[in-house]
Amino acid sequence: MFTLSGAKSAASAVGRRHFRFNWPLLAFAALALSGCMPATTQVASADPADPAAKVARIGYRSTIAPYTSLRPATPAPWRGRNDAVTPQPKQDR
């Protein structure tokens, strides 16, 4: 019984030794890899928090501006309305 518990403690000690970190080596690797990071670049030409920054003008365009109401429409003979919207026949040469 004691030998079995001794084997378990020895195995757990080996497992603990396997996962021990070498902190100076880890810190050196982090510093070395930080040199591989790209330099930050300026995305916009002006600082968005600057109140004196030039910005494009905004304009208003109505989304329903070309709309004209067709109600109430005055009654008219259908033939006259149909003739008003049909294309003119082409003349033969």
N, C-alpha and C. Protein backbone atom coordinates (compact mmCIF):
# COMPACT_ATOMS: atom_id res chain seq x y z
N MET A 1 0.81 -1.18 0.00
CA MET A 1 0.00 0.00 0.00
C MET A 1 0.86 1.26 0.00
N PHE A 2 1.89 1.26 0.85
CA PHE A 2 2.76 2.43 0.92
C PHE A 2 3.57 2.61 -0.36
N THR A 3 3.94 1.51 -0.99
CA THR A 3 4.71 1.64 -2.22
C THR A 3 3.85 2.20 -3.35
N LEU A 4 2.57 1.86 -3.33
CA LEU A 4 1.67 2.38 -4.36
C LEU A 4 1.49 3.88 -4.19
N SER A 5 1.32 4.34 -2.95
CA SER A 5 1.16 5.77 -2.73
C SER A 5 2.46 6.51 -3.02
N GLY A 6 3.60 5.87 -2.79
CA GLY A 6 4.90 6.48 -3.10
C GLY A 6 5.07 6.64 -4.60
N ALA A 7 4.55 5.68 -5.37
CA ALA A 7 4.64 5.75 -6.84
C ALA A 7 3.76 6.88 -7.36
N LYS A 8 2.59 7.06 -6.73
CA LYS A 8 1.70 8.14 -7.17
C LYS A 8 2.32 9.50 -6.89
N SER A 9 2.96 9.64 -5.73
CA SER A 9 3.55 10.94 -5.41
C SER A 9 4.75 11.22 -6.31
N ALA A 10 5.49 10.21 -6.68
CA ALA A 10 6.64 10.41 -7.56
C ALA A 10 6.15 10.79 -8.96
N ALA A 11 5.04 10.18 -9.41
CA ALA A 11 4.51 10.50 -10.73
C ALA A 11 3.95 11.92 -10.76
N SER A 12 3.33 12.32 -9.66
CA SER A 12 2.78 13.67 -9.63
C SER A 12 3.90 14.70 -9.55
N ALA A 13 5.02 14.37 -8.92
CA ALA A 13 6.16 15.29 -8.85
C ALA A 13 6.77 15.47 -10.23
N VAL A 14 6.83 14.39 -11.01
CA VAL A 14 7.36 14.49 -12.37
C VAL A 14 6.42 15.35 -13.22
N GLY A 15 5.11 15.17 -13.03
CA GLY A 15 4.14 15.97 -13.79
C GLY A 15 4.24 17.44 -13.45
N ARG A 16 4.48 17.77 -12.19
CA ARG A 16 4.62 19.17 -11.80
C ARG A 16 5.89 19.78 -12.38
N ARG A 17 6.94 19.00 -12.45
CA ARG A 17 8.19 19.49 -12.99
C ARG A 17 8.07 19.76 -14.50
N HIS A 18 7.25 18.98 -15.14
CA HIS A 18 7.08 19.11 -16.60
C HIS A 18 6.41 20.43 -16.96
N PHE A 19 5.48 20.90 -16.16
CA PHE A 19 4.72 22.10 -16.49
C PHE A 19 5.28 23.36 -15.83
N ARG A 20 6.45 23.30 -15.25
CA ARG A 20 7.02 24.49 -14.62
C ARG A 20 7.51 25.43 -15.73
N PHE A 21 7.18 26.72 -15.63
CA PHE A 21 7.58 27.70 -16.63
C PHE A 21 8.93 28.29 -16.26
N ASN A 22 9.66 28.62 -17.25
CA ASN A 22 10.91 29.34 -17.07
C ASN A 22 10.57 30.80 -17.37
N TRP A 23 10.24 31.58 -16.35
CA TRP A 23 9.74 32.95 -16.52
C TRP A 23 10.71 33.87 -17.25
N PRO A 24 11.99 33.82 -17.00
CA PRO A 24 12.87 34.70 -17.79
C PRO A 24 12.86 34.36 -19.28
N LEU A 25 12.79 33.07 -19.58
CA LEU A 25 12.73 32.66 -20.98
C LEU A 25 11.42 33.11 -21.62
N LEU A 26 10.31 33.01 -20.88
CA LEU A 26 9.02 33.45 -21.39
C LEU A 26 9.00 34.97 -21.61
N ALA A 27 9.60 35.72 -20.69
CA ALA A 27 9.66 37.18 -20.84
C ALA A 27 10.52 37.56 -22.04
N PHE A 28 11.63 36.86 -22.24
CA PHE A 28 12.49 37.13 -23.39
C PHE A 28 11.76 36.83 -24.71
N ALA A 29 11.02 35.73 -24.75
CA ALA A 29 10.27 35.37 -25.96
C ALA A 29 9.19 36.42 -26.25
N ALA A 30 8.53 36.92 -25.22
CA ALA A 30 7.49 37.94 -25.42
C ALA A 30 8.11 39.23 -25.95
N LEU A 31 9.25 39.61 -25.41
CA LEU A 31 9.92 40.82 -25.90
C LEU A 31 10.42 40.64 -27.33
N ALA A 32 10.93 39.47 -27.65
CA ALA A 32 11.42 39.23 -29.01
C ALA A 32 10.26 39.24 -30.01
N LEU A 33 9.13 38.66 -29.64
CA LEU A 33 7.98 38.64 -30.55
C LEU A 33 7.31 39.99 -30.65
N SER A 34 7.46 40.83 -29.64
CA SER A 34 6.85 42.15 -29.74
C SER A 34 7.55 43.00 -30.79
N GLY A 35 8.77 42.68 -31.13
CA GLY A 35 9.47 43.36 -32.21
C GLY A 35 8.90 43.01 -33.58
N CYS A 36 8.14 41.94 -33.68
CA CYS A 36 7.52 41.53 -34.94
C CYS A 36 6.19 42.23 -35.19
N MET A 37 5.71 43.00 -34.23
CA MET A 37 4.43 43.68 -34.38
C MET A 37 4.59 44.83 -35.37
N PRO A 38 3.61 45.05 -36.24
CA PRO A 38 3.72 46.16 -37.19
C PRO A 38 3.58 47.49 -36.46
N ALA A 39 4.22 48.49 -37.01
CA ALA A 39 4.13 49.82 -36.43
C ALA A 39 2.72 50.36 -36.68
N THR A 40 2.19 51.09 -35.73
CA THR A 40 0.86 51.65 -35.91
C THR A 40 0.92 52.77 -36.94
N THR A 41 -0.11 52.85 -37.75
CA THR A 41 -0.18 53.89 -38.77
C THR A 41 -1.39 54.76 -38.50
N GLN A 42 -1.33 55.97 -39.03
CA GLN A 42 -2.44 56.89 -38.84
C GLN A 42 -3.52 56.53 -39.85
N VAL A 43 -4.70 56.23 -39.38
CA VAL A 43 -5.79 55.80 -40.25
C VAL A 43 -6.42 57.00 -40.95
N ALA A 44 -6.69 58.04 -40.21
CA ALA A 44 -7.33 59.22 -40.78
C ALA A 44 -6.34 60.37 -40.79
N SER A 45 -6.59 61.33 -41.67
CA SER A 45 -5.67 62.45 -41.77
C SER A 45 -5.90 63.46 -40.65
N ALA A 46 -7.11 63.55 -40.12
CA ALA A 46 -7.41 64.51 -39.07
C ALA A 46 -7.88 63.78 -37.82
N ASP A 47 -7.63 64.39 -36.70
CA ASP A 47 -8.07 63.83 -35.44
C ASP A 47 -9.57 64.06 -35.30
N PRO A 48 -10.39 63.03 -35.09
CA PRO A 48 -11.83 63.23 -34.99
C PRO A 48 -12.25 64.05 -33.78
N ALA A 49 -11.39 64.12 -32.78
CA ALA A 49 -11.74 64.89 -31.59
C ALA A 49 -11.40 66.37 -31.74
N ASP A 50 -10.74 66.75 -32.83
CA ASP A 50 -10.36 68.14 -33.05
C ASP A 50 -11.55 68.91 -33.60
N PRO A 51 -12.06 69.93 -32.88
CA PRO A 51 -13.21 70.68 -33.38
C PRO A 51 -12.89 71.56 -34.59
N ALA A 52 -11.63 71.83 -34.84
CA ALA A 52 -11.25 72.66 -35.98
C ALA A 52 -10.95 71.82 -37.22
N ALA A 53 -11.13 70.52 -37.16
CA ALA A 53 -10.84 69.66 -38.30
C ALA A 53 -11.84 69.92 -39.41
N LYS A 54 -11.34 69.90 -40.66
CA LYS A 54 -12.22 70.12 -41.81
C LYS A 54 -12.96 68.82 -42.13
N VAL A 55 -14.24 68.98 -42.40
CA VAL A 55 -15.06 67.82 -42.75
C VAL A 55 -15.86 68.16 -44.00
N ALA A 56 -16.34 67.13 -44.66
CA ALA A 56 -17.14 67.33 -45.86
C ALA A 56 -18.50 67.91 -45.49
N ARG A 57 -19.04 68.74 -46.39
CA ARG A 57 -20.35 69.33 -46.14
C ARG A 57 -21.42 68.26 -46.31
N ILE A 58 -22.47 68.41 -45.58
CA ILE A 58 -23.58 67.48 -45.72
C ILE A 58 -24.71 68.19 -46.43
N GLY A 59 -25.46 67.45 -47.17
CA GLY A 59 -26.59 68.01 -47.90
C GLY A 59 -27.83 67.18 -47.65
N TYR A 60 -28.96 67.83 -47.83
CA TYR A 60 -30.22 67.13 -47.62
C TYR A 60 -30.83 66.82 -48.97
N ARG A 61 -31.21 65.58 -49.15
CA ARG A 61 -31.93 65.15 -50.35
C ARG A 61 -33.14 64.36 -49.91
N SER A 62 -34.30 64.83 -50.29
CA SER A 62 -35.52 64.13 -49.90
C SER A 62 -35.64 62.83 -50.67
N THR A 63 -36.07 61.80 -50.00
CA THR A 63 -36.22 60.51 -50.67
C THR A 63 -37.53 60.41 -51.43
N ILE A 64 -38.46 61.31 -51.15
CA ILE A 64 -39.75 61.26 -51.84
C ILE A 64 -39.98 62.51 -52.69
N ALA A 65 -38.91 63.23 -53.05
CA ALA A 65 -39.05 64.48 -53.80
C ALA A 65 -39.71 64.30 -55.17
N PRO A 66 -39.39 63.26 -55.94
CA PRO A 66 -40.04 63.18 -57.26
C PRO A 66 -41.48 62.68 -57.20
N TYR A 67 -41.99 62.40 -56.04
CA TYR A 67 -43.33 61.85 -55.91
C TYR A 67 -44.39 62.92 -56.16
N THR A 68 -45.37 62.60 -56.97
CA THR A 68 -46.54 63.44 -57.14
C THR A 68 -47.77 62.57 -56.93
N SER A 69 -48.68 63.08 -56.20
CA SER A 69 -49.87 62.31 -55.90
C SER A 69 -50.76 62.20 -57.14
N LEU A 70 -51.29 61.03 -57.37
CA LEU A 70 -52.18 60.80 -58.51
C LEU A 70 -53.63 60.70 -58.06
N ARG A 71 -53.90 61.01 -56.83
CA ARG A 71 -55.27 60.97 -56.34
C ARG A 71 -55.71 62.34 -55.96
N PRO A 72 -56.84 62.74 -56.09
CA PRO A 72 -57.86 62.15 -56.95
C PRO A 72 -57.61 62.54 -58.41
N ALA A 73 -57.76 61.59 -59.28
CA ALA A 73 -57.57 61.82 -60.70
C ALA A 73 -58.92 62.14 -61.33
N THR A 74 -58.89 63.10 -62.21
CA THR A 74 -60.14 63.46 -62.87
C THR A 74 -60.48 62.39 -63.88
N PRO A 75 -61.73 62.00 -63.95
CA PRO A 75 -62.12 60.97 -64.94
C PRO A 75 -61.94 61.50 -66.36
N ALA A 76 -61.40 60.65 -67.18
CA ALA A 76 -61.20 60.99 -68.59
C ALA A 76 -61.44 59.71 -69.39
N PRO A 77 -61.76 59.85 -70.63
CA PRO A 77 -61.97 58.65 -71.45
C PRO A 77 -60.67 57.84 -71.57
N TRP A 78 -60.79 56.56 -71.47
CA TRP A 78 -59.61 55.71 -71.45
C TRP A 78 -58.85 55.77 -72.76
N ARG A 79 -59.53 55.96 -73.87
CA ARG A 79 -58.84 56.02 -75.16
C ARG A 79 -57.92 57.24 -75.23
N GLY A 80 -58.38 58.35 -74.71
CA GLY A 80 -57.55 59.57 -74.72
C GLY A 80 -56.33 59.41 -73.83
N ARG A 81 -56.48 58.80 -72.66
CA ARG A 81 -55.32 58.57 -71.77
C ARG A 81 -54.35 57.57 -72.39
N ASN A 82 -54.89 56.55 -73.04
CA ASN A 82 -54.03 55.55 -73.66
C ASN A 82 -53.26 56.17 -74.82
N ASP A 83 -53.89 56.99 -75.63
CA ASP A 83 -53.21 57.63 -76.76
C ASP A 83 -52.14 58.61 -76.28
N ALA A 84 -52.33 59.18 -75.10
CA ALA A 84 -51.36 60.15 -74.59
C ALA A 84 -50.05 59.49 -74.16
N VAL A 85 -50.08 58.22 -73.78
CA VAL A 85 -48.87 57.57 -73.30
C VAL A 85 -48.26 56.59 -74.29
N THR A 86 -48.90 56.30 -75.40
CA THR A 86 -48.33 55.38 -76.37
C THR A 86 -47.25 56.08 -77.18
N PRO A 87 -46.20 55.35 -77.55
CA PRO A 87 -45.15 55.97 -78.36
C PRO A 87 -45.65 56.26 -79.77
N GLN A 88 -45.09 57.28 -80.35
CA GLN A 88 -45.48 57.67 -81.70
C GLN A 88 -44.92 56.66 -82.70
N PRO A 89 -45.68 56.30 -83.72
CA PRO A 89 -45.18 55.35 -84.72
C PRO A 89 -44.05 55.97 -85.52
N LYS A 90 -43.08 55.14 -85.90
CA LYS A 90 -41.94 55.61 -86.69
C LYS A 90 -42.35 55.77 -88.14
N GLN A 91 -41.80 56.76 -88.77
CA GLN A 91 -42.11 56.98 -90.18
C GLN A 91 -41.16 56.15 -91.03
N ASP A 92 -41.69 55.50 -92.06
CA ASP A 92 -40.85 54.69 -92.96
C ASP A 92 -40.14 55.62 -93.92
N ARG A 93 -38.95 55.27 -94.30
CA ARG A 93 -38.18 56.08 -95.25
C ARG A 93 -38.34 55.60 -96.64
